[in-house]
Amino acid sequence: MVADKSGRVLATWPGLGDNAVVTGIALDDEHVYIADAGQRIVWCFDRKGRLIRRIGDKNLEKDIQGFVVPSPYFDLTMGPDGLLWVANPGRHKVEAYTAKGDREFSWGKFGSNLDDFTACCNPMNFAIMTDGSFITCEKGVIRIKVYDSRGVLTGVVAGPEQLTGGKWSISETPARRQHVRFVVAADTPGHVYVLDRDRSVVRIFSRKKG
């Protein structure tokens, strides 16, 4: 559905099927990209709602391994470089695609070090700042980190103590920690906004001086 600022419906687009689970939407000047965790694919539409292509289907000739999405966390956004960046959480990567569906670049790996992604499937979501750096949000080990435009860790926004205060509103078990619900966003001045959907609050972080 397409609506104007007042909420008036302007158009209704065709559905994505009974198995679709929409988890993210991104735009460029000509296209609308929809992350579908249920069918593990990114749909590319034009601005009039016509399907252009699927992005992320397995194609080893093009070095596309396909998206692994074990849970309904499958994020995407447009970068300042003009590329579509998509989380591939089951592979612990962030991948860049062109509007034609070609994979240009990826970064991220599984591991226990601070610069790695851990747990079954991370990052759960991410944001890109105007300088091209990434803000990533992880579940399992609850933390929000900063990477540069090439995927090199440059800092940590917050860890479990800052995000949960050492207390949980959900059961303190590893299985339940996998489903803690945080979402990140960033603005031009460099503030990081963290939506805590379990506690219905938004935390705002800014870069430390010096």
N, C-alpha and C. Protein backbone atom coordinates (compact mmCIF):
# COMPACT_ATOMS: atom_id res chain seq x y z
N MET A 1 0.83 -1.19 0.00
CA MET A 1 0.00 0.00 0.00
C MET A 1 0.87 1.24 0.00
N VAL A 2 0.51 2.24 -0.78
CA VAL A 2 1.19 3.53 -0.83
C VAL A 2 0.22 4.59 -0.32
N ALA A 3 0.67 5.40 0.64
CA ALA A 3 -0.19 6.43 1.22
C ALA A 3 0.55 7.76 1.24
N ASP A 4 -0.20 8.86 1.24
CA ASP A 4 0.42 10.17 1.36
C ASP A 4 0.64 10.50 2.83
N LYS A 5 1.12 11.72 3.12
CA LYS A 5 1.46 12.09 4.49
C LYS A 5 0.26 12.09 5.43
N SER A 6 -0.92 12.28 4.88
CA SER A 6 -2.12 12.29 5.71
C SER A 6 -2.69 10.90 5.94
N GLY A 7 -2.09 9.90 5.29
CA GLY A 7 -2.57 8.54 5.42
C GLY A 7 -3.55 8.11 4.34
N ARG A 8 -3.84 9.00 3.39
CA ARG A 8 -4.75 8.65 2.30
C ARG A 8 -4.08 7.65 1.36
N VAL A 9 -4.77 6.56 1.08
CA VAL A 9 -4.21 5.50 0.24
C VAL A 9 -4.19 5.96 -1.21
N LEU A 10 -2.99 5.90 -1.81
CA LEU A 10 -2.82 6.32 -3.21
C LEU A 10 -2.78 5.13 -4.16
N ALA A 11 -2.27 4.01 -3.68
CA ALA A 11 -2.17 2.84 -4.54
C ALA A 11 -2.03 1.60 -3.68
N THR A 12 -2.42 0.47 -4.22
CA THR A 12 -2.24 -0.82 -3.57
C THR A 12 -1.46 -1.74 -4.49
N TRP A 13 -0.36 -2.26 -4.01
CA TRP A 13 0.50 -3.11 -4.84
C TRP A 13 0.13 -4.57 -4.65
N PRO A 14 0.50 -5.43 -5.59
CA PRO A 14 0.21 -6.86 -5.46
C PRO A 14 0.93 -7.47 -4.27
N GLY A 15 0.34 -8.51 -3.68
CA GLY A 15 0.94 -9.18 -2.54
C GLY A 15 2.15 -10.01 -2.93
N LEU A 16 2.91 -10.42 -1.92
CA LEU A 16 4.13 -11.19 -2.14
C LEU A 16 3.93 -12.68 -1.89
N GLY A 17 2.72 -13.09 -1.58
CA GLY A 17 2.46 -14.50 -1.34
C GLY A 17 2.20 -14.78 0.13
N ASP A 18 1.64 -15.94 0.40
CA ASP A 18 1.25 -16.30 1.76
C ASP A 18 2.44 -16.49 2.69
N ASN A 19 3.61 -16.79 2.14
CA ASN A 19 4.79 -17.05 2.97
C ASN A 19 5.64 -15.81 3.23
N ALA A 20 5.22 -14.68 2.72
CA ALA A 20 6.01 -13.46 2.87
C ALA A 20 6.00 -12.95 4.30
N VAL A 21 7.17 -12.50 4.77
CA VAL A 21 7.31 -11.81 6.05
C VAL A 21 8.17 -10.58 5.77
N VAL A 22 7.54 -9.44 5.62
CA VAL A 22 8.26 -8.21 5.27
C VAL A 22 8.95 -7.65 6.50
N THR A 23 10.27 -7.48 6.41
CA THR A 23 11.05 -7.03 7.56
C THR A 23 11.83 -5.74 7.28
N GLY A 24 11.75 -5.21 6.05
CA GLY A 24 12.47 -3.97 5.76
C GLY A 24 12.12 -3.45 4.39
N ILE A 25 12.19 -2.13 4.25
CA ILE A 25 11.93 -1.46 2.97
C ILE A 25 13.00 -0.39 2.77
N ALA A 26 13.53 -0.31 1.56
CA ALA A 26 14.52 0.71 1.21
C ALA A 26 14.17 1.29 -0.15
N LEU A 27 14.61 2.54 -0.38
CA LEU A 27 14.26 3.24 -1.61
C LEU A 27 15.50 3.83 -2.26
N ASP A 28 15.52 3.87 -3.60
CA ASP A 28 16.42 4.77 -4.31
C ASP A 28 15.54 5.62 -5.23
N ASP A 29 16.12 6.33 -6.17
CA ASP A 29 15.34 7.25 -7.00
C ASP A 29 14.33 6.53 -7.89
N GLU A 30 14.59 5.28 -8.22
CA GLU A 30 13.75 4.58 -9.18
C GLU A 30 13.08 3.33 -8.63
N HIS A 31 13.58 2.79 -7.51
CA HIS A 31 13.15 1.48 -7.07
C HIS A 31 12.71 1.46 -5.61
N VAL A 32 11.93 0.45 -5.29
CA VAL A 32 11.56 0.13 -3.91
C VAL A 32 12.02 -1.31 -3.66
N TYR A 33 12.81 -1.49 -2.61
CA TYR A 33 13.36 -2.81 -2.27
C TYR A 33 12.69 -3.31 -1.00
N ILE A 34 12.22 -4.55 -1.02
CA ILE A 34 11.50 -5.11 0.12
C ILE A 34 12.20 -6.38 0.58
N ALA A 35 12.61 -6.40 1.85
CA ALA A 35 13.22 -7.59 2.45
C ALA A 35 12.11 -8.53 2.91
N ASP A 36 12.16 -9.76 2.44
CA ASP A 36 11.15 -10.76 2.75
C ASP A 36 11.83 -11.92 3.48
N ALA A 37 11.73 -11.92 4.83
CA ALA A 37 12.38 -12.97 5.62
C ALA A 37 11.71 -14.32 5.43
N GLY A 38 10.43 -14.33 5.12
CA GLY A 38 9.72 -15.58 4.94
C GLY A 38 10.20 -16.36 3.74
N GLN A 39 10.51 -15.64 2.65
CA GLN A 39 10.95 -16.29 1.42
C GLN A 39 12.43 -16.06 1.14
N ARG A 40 13.12 -15.39 2.09
CA ARG A 40 14.57 -15.21 2.06
C ARG A 40 15.03 -14.58 0.75
N ILE A 41 14.40 -13.47 0.42
CA ILE A 41 14.70 -12.80 -0.84
C ILE A 41 14.43 -11.31 -0.69
N VAL A 42 15.06 -10.51 -1.55
CA VAL A 42 14.76 -9.08 -1.65
C VAL A 42 14.02 -8.86 -2.96
N TRP A 43 12.85 -8.26 -2.88
CA TRP A 43 12.06 -7.93 -4.06
C TRP A 43 12.39 -6.52 -4.51
N CYS A 44 12.55 -6.33 -5.80
CA CYS A 44 12.82 -5.00 -6.37
C CYS A 44 11.63 -4.60 -7.25
N PHE A 45 10.96 -3.53 -6.86
CA PHE A 45 9.83 -2.99 -7.62
C PHE A 45 10.22 -1.62 -8.18
N ASP A 46 9.53 -1.18 -9.24
CA ASP A 46 9.66 0.21 -9.64
C ASP A 46 8.71 1.04 -8.79
N ARG A 47 8.72 2.35 -8.97
CA ARG A 47 7.92 3.22 -8.11
C ARG A 47 6.42 3.12 -8.38
N LYS A 48 6.04 2.42 -9.45
CA LYS A 48 4.62 2.22 -9.75
C LYS A 48 4.12 0.86 -9.28
N GLY A 49 5.00 0.10 -8.61
CA GLY A 49 4.57 -1.17 -8.06
C GLY A 49 4.72 -2.35 -8.99
N ARG A 50 5.48 -2.19 -10.07
CA ARG A 50 5.73 -3.30 -10.96
C ARG A 50 6.98 -4.05 -10.52
N LEU A 51 6.88 -5.37 -10.42
CA LEU A 51 8.03 -6.17 -10.01
C LEU A 51 9.10 -6.15 -11.09
N ILE A 52 10.32 -5.79 -10.71
CA ILE A 52 11.44 -5.73 -11.65
C ILE A 52 12.27 -7.00 -11.58
N ARG A 53 12.66 -7.39 -10.36
CA ARG A 53 13.50 -8.58 -10.21
C ARG A 53 13.55 -9.03 -8.76
N ARG A 54 14.06 -10.22 -8.56
CA ARG A 54 14.42 -10.74 -7.26
C ARG A 54 15.92 -10.54 -7.07
N ILE A 55 16.33 -10.18 -5.87
CA ILE A 55 17.74 -9.99 -5.55
C ILE A 55 18.13 -10.98 -4.45
N GLY A 56 19.21 -11.72 -4.69
CA GLY A 56 19.74 -12.62 -3.67
C GLY A 56 19.52 -14.08 -3.92
N ASP A 57 18.90 -14.44 -5.03
CA ASP A 57 18.78 -15.87 -5.35
C ASP A 57 20.17 -16.47 -5.52
N LYS A 58 20.35 -17.71 -5.07
CA LYS A 58 21.65 -18.37 -5.15
C LYS A 58 22.10 -18.47 -6.60
N ASN A 59 23.33 -17.98 -6.85
CA ASN A 59 23.92 -18.03 -8.18
C ASN A 59 25.42 -18.08 -8.01
N LEU A 60 25.98 -19.28 -7.99
CA LEU A 60 27.40 -19.42 -7.71
C LEU A 60 28.27 -18.82 -8.81
N GLU A 61 27.78 -18.77 -10.04
CA GLU A 61 28.55 -18.15 -11.12
C GLU A 61 28.78 -16.67 -10.86
N LYS A 62 27.84 -16.04 -10.15
CA LYS A 62 27.96 -14.63 -9.81
C LYS A 62 28.42 -14.42 -8.36
N ASP A 63 28.86 -15.50 -7.71
CA ASP A 63 29.34 -15.45 -6.33
C ASP A 63 28.23 -14.97 -5.38
N ILE A 64 27.03 -15.42 -5.63
CA ILE A 64 25.90 -15.13 -4.74
C ILE A 64 25.49 -16.44 -4.09
N GLN A 65 25.71 -16.55 -2.79
CA GLN A 65 25.43 -17.79 -2.07
C GLN A 65 23.99 -17.90 -1.59
N GLY A 66 23.27 -16.79 -1.64
CA GLY A 66 21.89 -16.79 -1.17
C GLY A 66 21.78 -16.36 0.28
N PHE A 67 20.62 -15.85 0.64
CA PHE A 67 20.39 -15.38 2.00
C PHE A 67 20.01 -16.54 2.91
N VAL A 68 20.60 -16.56 4.11
CA VAL A 68 20.24 -17.52 5.16
C VAL A 68 19.57 -16.72 6.27
N VAL A 69 18.29 -16.95 6.47
CA VAL A 69 17.49 -16.14 7.40
C VAL A 69 16.75 -17.08 8.34
N PRO A 70 17.39 -17.50 9.45
CA PRO A 70 16.76 -18.46 10.36
C PRO A 70 15.61 -17.90 11.17
N SER A 71 15.56 -16.58 11.34
CA SER A 71 14.52 -15.95 12.16
C SER A 71 14.08 -14.66 11.46
N PRO A 72 12.99 -14.05 11.88
CA PRO A 72 12.46 -12.90 11.15
C PRO A 72 13.23 -11.60 11.40
N TYR A 73 14.55 -11.66 11.21
CA TYR A 73 15.41 -10.48 11.28
C TYR A 73 16.20 -10.44 9.99
N PHE A 74 15.83 -9.54 9.10
CA PHE A 74 16.39 -9.49 7.75
C PHE A 74 16.29 -8.04 7.29
N ASP A 75 17.39 -7.30 7.44
CA ASP A 75 17.34 -5.85 7.28
C ASP A 75 18.04 -5.44 5.99
N LEU A 76 17.69 -4.24 5.51
CA LEU A 76 18.35 -3.67 4.34
C LEU A 76 18.21 -2.17 4.36
N THR A 77 19.13 -1.48 3.66
CA THR A 77 19.06 -0.03 3.54
C THR A 77 19.92 0.41 2.37
N MET A 78 19.65 1.59 1.85
CA MET A 78 20.47 2.17 0.80
C MET A 78 21.66 2.89 1.44
N GLY A 79 22.83 2.71 0.86
CA GLY A 79 24.02 3.39 1.35
C GLY A 79 24.31 4.67 0.56
N PRO A 80 25.11 5.56 1.12
CA PRO A 80 25.49 6.78 0.40
C PRO A 80 26.30 6.49 -0.86
N ASP A 81 26.80 5.26 -0.99
CA ASP A 81 27.53 4.86 -2.18
C ASP A 81 26.61 4.44 -3.32
N GLY A 82 25.28 4.48 -3.08
CA GLY A 82 24.32 4.10 -4.10
C GLY A 82 24.05 2.62 -4.19
N LEU A 83 24.65 1.84 -3.30
CA LEU A 83 24.45 0.40 -3.28
C LEU A 83 23.38 0.02 -2.26
N LEU A 84 22.70 -1.09 -2.53
CA LEU A 84 21.74 -1.64 -1.59
C LEU A 84 22.47 -2.58 -0.66
N TRP A 85 22.45 -2.28 0.63
CA TRP A 85 23.13 -3.12 1.62
C TRP A 85 22.11 -3.98 2.33
N VAL A 86 22.40 -5.29 2.41
CA VAL A 86 21.46 -6.26 2.97
C VAL A 86 22.18 -7.12 4.00
N ALA A 87 21.57 -7.31 5.15
CA ALA A 87 22.12 -8.24 6.14
C ALA A 87 21.85 -9.67 5.67
N ASN A 88 22.87 -10.51 5.80
CA ASN A 88 22.71 -11.95 5.55
C ASN A 88 22.99 -12.63 6.88
N PRO A 89 22.00 -12.63 7.79
CA PRO A 89 22.28 -12.95 9.20
C PRO A 89 22.78 -14.36 9.44
N GLY A 90 22.27 -15.34 8.71
CA GLY A 90 22.73 -16.71 8.91
C GLY A 90 24.16 -16.93 8.46
N ARG A 91 24.66 -16.05 7.60
CA ARG A 91 26.06 -16.12 7.16
C ARG A 91 26.93 -15.10 7.89
N HIS A 92 26.32 -14.31 8.80
CA HIS A 92 27.02 -13.31 9.60
C HIS A 92 27.74 -12.28 8.72
N LYS A 93 27.02 -11.80 7.71
CA LYS A 93 27.61 -10.85 6.78
C LYS A 93 26.65 -9.71 6.48
N VAL A 94 27.23 -8.63 5.96
CA VAL A 94 26.47 -7.54 5.35
C VAL A 94 26.93 -7.47 3.90
N GLU A 95 25.98 -7.48 2.96
CA GLU A 95 26.32 -7.59 1.55
C GLU A 95 25.78 -6.40 0.77
N ALA A 96 26.54 -5.99 -0.25
CA ALA A 96 26.16 -4.85 -1.09
C ALA A 96 25.75 -5.35 -2.47
N TYR A 97 24.61 -4.85 -2.97
CA TYR A 97 24.09 -5.23 -4.28
C TYR A 97 23.81 -3.98 -5.12
N THR A 98 23.95 -4.14 -6.42
CA THR A 98 23.52 -3.09 -7.34
C THR A 98 22.02 -3.23 -7.59
N ALA A 99 21.44 -2.23 -8.25
CA ALA A 99 20.02 -2.29 -8.58
C ALA A 99 19.72 -3.44 -9.53
N LYS A 100 20.72 -3.92 -10.26
CA LYS A 100 20.54 -5.04 -11.18
C LYS A 100 20.69 -6.39 -10.49
N GLY A 101 21.01 -6.38 -9.20
CA GLY A 101 21.10 -7.62 -8.46
C GLY A 101 22.48 -8.24 -8.39
N ASP A 102 23.51 -7.52 -8.84
CA ASP A 102 24.87 -8.04 -8.76
C ASP A 102 25.45 -7.76 -7.38
N ARG A 103 26.11 -8.74 -6.80
CA ARG A 103 26.74 -8.57 -5.49
C ARG A 103 28.11 -7.94 -5.69
N GLU A 104 28.33 -6.79 -5.07
CA GLU A 104 29.55 -6.03 -5.26
C GLU A 104 30.59 -6.25 -4.16
N PHE A 105 30.12 -6.44 -2.94
CA PHE A 105 31.05 -6.46 -1.81
C PHE A 105 30.33 -7.05 -0.61
N SER A 106 31.07 -7.65 0.31
CA SER A 106 30.49 -8.12 1.56
C SER A 106 31.55 -8.08 2.65
N TRP A 107 31.11 -8.02 3.88
CA TRP A 107 32.03 -8.08 5.01
C TRP A 107 31.30 -8.72 6.20
N GLY A 108 32.09 -9.15 7.18
CA GLY A 108 31.55 -9.77 8.38
C GLY A 108 31.90 -11.24 8.45
N LYS A 109 32.05 -11.74 9.68
CA LYS A 109 32.35 -13.15 9.88
C LYS A 109 31.87 -13.59 11.26
N PHE A 110 31.70 -14.89 11.39
CA PHE A 110 31.29 -15.47 12.68
C PHE A 110 32.51 -15.66 13.57
N GLY A 111 32.33 -15.43 14.88
CA GLY A 111 33.41 -15.66 15.82
C GLY A 111 33.08 -15.10 17.19
N SER A 112 34.03 -15.22 18.11
CA SER A 112 33.82 -14.77 19.49
C SER A 112 34.54 -13.47 19.81
N ASN A 113 35.31 -12.93 18.85
CA ASN A 113 35.99 -11.66 19.08
C ASN A 113 35.01 -10.50 18.95
N LEU A 114 35.42 -9.36 19.48
CA LEU A 114 34.53 -8.20 19.48
C LEU A 114 34.15 -7.77 18.08
N ASP A 115 35.05 -7.90 17.12
CA ASP A 115 34.74 -7.45 15.77
C ASP A 115 33.96 -8.49 14.96
N ASP A 116 33.69 -9.66 15.56
CA ASP A 116 32.92 -10.70 14.89
C ASP A 116 31.43 -10.55 15.18
N PHE A 117 30.64 -11.31 14.43
CA PHE A 117 29.22 -11.50 14.75
C PHE A 117 29.05 -12.90 15.34
N THR A 118 28.34 -12.98 16.44
CA THR A 118 28.17 -14.26 17.12
C THR A 118 26.70 -14.67 17.10
N ALA A 119 26.37 -15.69 17.87
CA ALA A 119 25.01 -16.25 17.96
C ALA A 119 24.62 -16.86 16.61
N CYS A 120 23.35 -17.28 16.50
CA CYS A 120 22.94 -18.03 15.31
C CYS A 120 22.85 -17.16 14.07
N CYS A 121 22.50 -15.89 14.24
CA CYS A 121 22.19 -15.07 13.06
C CYS A 121 22.27 -13.59 13.40
N ASN A 122 23.32 -12.97 12.93
CA ASN A 122 23.56 -11.55 13.17
C ASN A 122 24.28 -10.94 11.97
N PRO A 123 24.17 -9.61 11.77
CA PRO A 123 23.44 -8.64 12.60
C PRO A 123 21.93 -8.74 12.40
N MET A 124 21.20 -8.46 13.49
CA MET A 124 19.75 -8.52 13.40
C MET A 124 19.20 -7.32 12.63
N ASN A 125 19.85 -6.17 12.78
CA ASN A 125 19.56 -5.02 11.92
C ASN A 125 20.72 -4.06 11.97
N PHE A 126 20.69 -3.04 11.11
CA PHE A 126 21.82 -2.12 11.01
C PHE A 126 21.36 -0.81 10.39
N ALA A 127 22.20 0.20 10.53
CA ALA A 127 21.96 1.49 9.89
C ALA A 127 23.28 1.96 9.28
N ILE A 128 23.20 2.84 8.30
CA ILE A 128 24.39 3.40 7.67
C ILE A 128 24.38 4.90 7.87
N MET A 129 25.52 5.45 8.34
CA MET A 129 25.64 6.88 8.57
C MET A 129 26.08 7.58 7.28
N THR A 130 26.05 8.89 7.29
CA THR A 130 26.33 9.65 6.07
C THR A 130 27.77 9.48 5.59
N ASP A 131 28.69 9.12 6.49
CA ASP A 131 30.07 8.89 6.08
C ASP A 131 30.30 7.46 5.59
N GLY A 132 29.23 6.66 5.53
CA GLY A 132 29.34 5.30 5.04
C GLY A 132 29.61 4.27 6.12
N SER A 133 29.79 4.70 7.37
CA SER A 133 30.03 3.74 8.46
C SER A 133 28.73 3.05 8.86
N PHE A 134 28.87 1.88 9.45
CA PHE A 134 27.74 1.03 9.80
C PHE A 134 27.53 1.00 11.31
N ILE A 135 26.27 1.03 11.72
CA ILE A 135 25.88 0.77 13.10
C ILE A 135 25.15 -0.56 13.09
N THR A 136 25.68 -1.56 13.78
CA THR A 136 25.08 -2.88 13.77
C THR A 136 24.51 -3.23 15.13
N CYS A 137 23.44 -3.99 15.12
CA CYS A 137 22.76 -4.42 16.35
C CYS A 137 22.73 -5.94 16.36
N GLU A 138 23.14 -6.55 17.49
CA GLU A 138 23.20 -8.00 17.60
C GLU A 138 22.30 -8.50 18.71
N LYS A 139 21.80 -9.71 18.52
CA LYS A 139 21.08 -10.40 19.58
C LYS A 139 21.93 -11.58 20.05
N GLY A 140 21.49 -12.24 21.10
CA GLY A 140 22.32 -13.27 21.72
C GLY A 140 23.29 -12.61 22.69
N VAL A 141 24.41 -12.10 22.17
CA VAL A 141 25.28 -11.19 22.91
C VAL A 141 24.81 -9.79 22.54
N ILE A 142 24.14 -9.12 23.46
CA ILE A 142 23.48 -7.86 23.13
C ILE A 142 24.51 -6.75 23.03
N ARG A 143 24.70 -6.21 21.83
CA ARG A 143 25.66 -5.12 21.67
C ARG A 143 25.41 -4.39 20.36
N ILE A 144 25.79 -3.12 20.36
CA ILE A 144 25.67 -2.27 19.18
C ILE A 144 27.06 -1.72 18.89
N LYS A 145 27.52 -1.90 17.65
CA LYS A 145 28.90 -1.58 17.30
C LYS A 145 28.95 -0.67 16.08
N VAL A 146 30.14 -0.11 15.87
CA VAL A 146 30.38 0.77 14.71
C VAL A 146 31.49 0.17 13.86
N TYR A 147 31.25 0.07 12.58
CA TYR A 147 32.25 -0.37 11.61
C TYR A 147 32.43 0.72 10.55
N ASP A 148 33.62 0.81 9.97
CA ASP A 148 33.81 1.77 8.89
C ASP A 148 33.19 1.22 7.60
N SER A 149 33.33 1.96 6.52
CA SER A 149 32.66 1.61 5.27
C SER A 149 33.16 0.32 4.66
N ARG A 150 34.32 -0.18 5.14
CA ARG A 150 34.85 -1.44 4.63
C ARG A 150 34.65 -2.60 5.60
N GLY A 151 33.94 -2.33 6.71
CA GLY A 151 33.64 -3.39 7.65
C GLY A 151 34.68 -3.60 8.73
N VAL A 152 35.50 -2.59 8.99
CA VAL A 152 36.50 -2.67 10.06
C VAL A 152 35.92 -2.05 11.32
N LEU A 153 35.95 -2.79 12.43
CA LEU A 153 35.40 -2.29 13.69
C LEU A 153 36.13 -1.03 14.14
N THR A 154 35.37 0.02 14.47
CA THR A 154 35.97 1.27 14.95
C THR A 154 35.49 1.67 16.33
N GLY A 155 34.46 1.02 16.86
CA GLY A 155 34.00 1.38 18.19
C GLY A 155 32.76 0.61 18.60
N VAL A 156 32.38 0.80 19.86
CA VAL A 156 31.19 0.17 20.42
C VAL A 156 30.27 1.26 20.94
N VAL A 157 29.02 1.21 20.55
CA VAL A 157 28.02 2.17 21.03
C VAL A 157 27.52 1.77 22.41
N ALA A 158 27.15 0.51 22.56
CA ALA A 158 26.60 0.05 23.84
C ALA A 158 26.67 -1.46 23.92
N GLY A 159 26.78 -1.95 25.16
CA GLY A 159 26.77 -3.38 25.42
C GLY A 159 25.58 -3.76 26.29
N PRO A 160 25.58 -4.97 26.81
CA PRO A 160 24.43 -5.44 27.60
C PRO A 160 24.09 -4.56 28.80
N GLU A 161 25.12 -4.03 29.48
CA GLU A 161 24.82 -3.23 30.67
C GLU A 161 24.10 -1.94 30.32
N GLN A 162 24.52 -1.29 29.20
CA GLN A 162 23.88 -0.05 28.80
C GLN A 162 22.47 -0.29 28.24
N LEU A 163 22.28 -1.45 27.63
CA LEU A 163 21.00 -1.71 26.97
C LEU A 163 19.99 -2.39 27.87
N THR A 164 20.46 -3.16 28.84
CA THR A 164 19.53 -3.87 29.71
C THR A 164 19.70 -3.53 31.17
N GLY A 165 20.80 -2.84 31.52
CA GLY A 165 21.06 -2.53 32.92
C GLY A 165 21.30 -3.77 33.77
N GLY A 166 21.65 -4.86 33.09
CA GLY A 166 21.84 -6.12 33.81
C GLY A 166 20.55 -6.80 34.18
N LYS A 167 19.41 -6.21 33.76
CA LYS A 167 18.11 -6.79 34.09
C LYS A 167 17.35 -7.05 32.78
N TRP A 168 16.54 -8.06 32.79
CA TRP A 168 15.80 -8.46 31.60
C TRP A 168 14.31 -8.44 31.90
N SER A 169 13.56 -7.97 30.94
CA SER A 169 12.11 -8.05 31.07
C SER A 169 11.59 -9.37 30.52
N ILE A 170 12.49 -10.18 29.94
CA ILE A 170 12.12 -11.50 29.45
C ILE A 170 12.96 -12.53 30.17
N SER A 171 12.60 -13.78 30.06
CA SER A 171 13.27 -14.85 30.79
C SER A 171 14.76 -14.88 30.50
N GLU A 172 15.57 -15.06 31.55
CA GLU A 172 17.04 -15.04 31.44
C GLU A 172 17.53 -16.40 30.95
N THR A 173 17.26 -16.74 29.71
CA THR A 173 17.74 -17.97 29.11
C THR A 173 18.36 -17.66 27.77
N PRO A 174 19.37 -18.43 27.33
CA PRO A 174 19.99 -18.17 26.03
C PRO A 174 18.98 -18.18 24.88
N ALA A 175 18.01 -19.08 24.93
CA ALA A 175 17.02 -19.15 23.86
C ALA A 175 16.20 -17.87 23.78
N ARG A 176 15.81 -17.35 24.93
CA ARG A 176 15.00 -16.13 24.94
C ARG A 176 15.84 -14.90 24.59
N ARG A 177 17.12 -14.92 24.95
CA ARG A 177 17.98 -13.79 24.60
C ARG A 177 18.12 -13.65 23.09
N GLN A 178 17.92 -14.75 22.37
CA GLN A 178 17.99 -14.68 20.92
C GLN A 178 16.88 -13.81 20.34
N HIS A 179 15.85 -13.54 21.13
CA HIS A 179 14.69 -12.82 20.61
C HIS A 179 14.51 -11.45 21.26
N VAL A 180 15.52 -10.97 21.96
CA VAL A 180 15.45 -9.60 22.47
C VAL A 180 15.36 -8.65 21.29
N ARG A 181 14.54 -7.62 21.41
CA ARG A 181 14.17 -6.86 20.22
C ARG A 181 14.69 -5.42 20.30
N PHE A 182 15.78 -5.15 19.61
CA PHE A 182 16.32 -3.81 19.47
C PHE A 182 16.38 -3.45 17.99
N VAL A 183 16.18 -2.17 17.69
CA VAL A 183 16.31 -1.66 16.33
C VAL A 183 17.15 -0.40 16.39
N VAL A 184 18.07 -0.21 15.43
CA VAL A 184 18.95 0.95 15.45
C VAL A 184 18.68 1.86 14.26
N ALA A 185 18.93 3.16 14.49
CA ALA A 185 18.86 4.17 13.43
C ALA A 185 19.90 5.23 13.76
N ALA A 186 20.24 6.05 12.78
CA ALA A 186 21.24 7.11 12.99
C ALA A 186 20.82 8.35 12.22
N ASP A 187 21.27 9.52 12.69
CA ASP A 187 20.96 10.75 11.98
C ASP A 187 22.25 11.41 11.49
N THR A 188 22.11 12.53 10.79
CA THR A 188 23.25 13.20 10.19
C THR A 188 24.29 13.67 11.20
N PRO A 189 23.89 14.26 12.35
CA PRO A 189 24.92 14.66 13.33
C PRO A 189 25.69 13.50 13.96
N GLY A 190 25.21 12.28 13.78
CA GLY A 190 25.93 11.14 14.31
C GLY A 190 25.33 10.52 15.55
N HIS A 191 24.11 10.92 15.91
CA HIS A 191 23.44 10.27 17.03
C HIS A 191 22.96 8.89 16.62
N VAL A 192 22.98 7.96 17.57
CA VAL A 192 22.48 6.61 17.35
C VAL A 192 21.24 6.42 18.21
N TYR A 193 20.15 6.00 17.59
CA TYR A 193 18.89 5.80 18.28
C TYR A 193 18.63 4.29 18.39
N VAL A 194 18.31 3.84 19.57
CA VAL A 194 18.07 2.42 19.82
C VAL A 194 16.65 2.26 20.34
N LEU A 195 15.83 1.59 19.54
CA LEU A 195 14.46 1.28 19.94
C LEU A 195 14.45 -0.05 20.68
N ASP A 196 14.03 0.00 21.94
CA ASP A 196 13.89 -1.19 22.77
C ASP A 196 12.41 -1.54 22.80
N ARG A 197 12.03 -2.51 22.00
CA ARG A 197 10.62 -2.83 21.86
C ARG A 197 10.08 -3.64 23.04
N ASP A 198 10.96 -4.24 23.84
CA ASP A 198 10.50 -4.94 25.04
C ASP A 198 10.09 -3.96 26.13
N ARG A 199 10.78 -2.82 26.20
CA ARG A 199 10.52 -1.85 27.26
C ARG A 199 9.82 -0.59 26.75
N SER A 200 9.60 -0.52 25.44
CA SER A 200 8.89 0.62 24.83
C SER A 200 9.60 1.94 25.11
N VAL A 201 10.94 1.96 24.91
CA VAL A 201 11.70 3.19 25.08
C VAL A 201 12.68 3.33 23.91
N VAL A 202 13.13 4.57 23.69
CA VAL A 202 14.16 4.85 22.71
C VAL A 202 15.35 5.46 23.45
N ARG A 203 16.52 4.87 23.32
CA ARG A 203 17.74 5.39 23.92
C ARG A 203 18.54 6.11 22.85
N ILE A 204 19.11 7.25 23.21
CA ILE A 204 19.87 8.06 22.25
C ILE A 204 21.32 8.11 22.72
N PHE A 205 22.24 7.75 21.83
CA PHE A 205 23.67 7.75 22.13
C PHE A 205 24.37 8.74 21.19
N SER A 206 25.39 9.41 21.72
CA SER A 206 26.21 10.30 20.90
C SER A 206 27.68 9.93 21.09
N ARG A 207 28.50 10.29 20.12
CA ARG A 207 29.92 9.93 20.15
C ARG A 207 30.63 10.67 21.27
N LYS A 208 31.48 9.96 22.01
CA LYS A 208 32.27 10.59 23.06
C LYS A 208 33.34 11.50 22.46
N LYS A 209 33.63 12.58 23.14
CA LYS A 209 34.69 13.50 22.69
C LYS A 209 36.05 12.95 23.07
N GLY A 210 37.03 13.16 22.17
CA GLY A 210 38.39 12.80 22.49
C GLY A 210 38.66 11.32 22.35
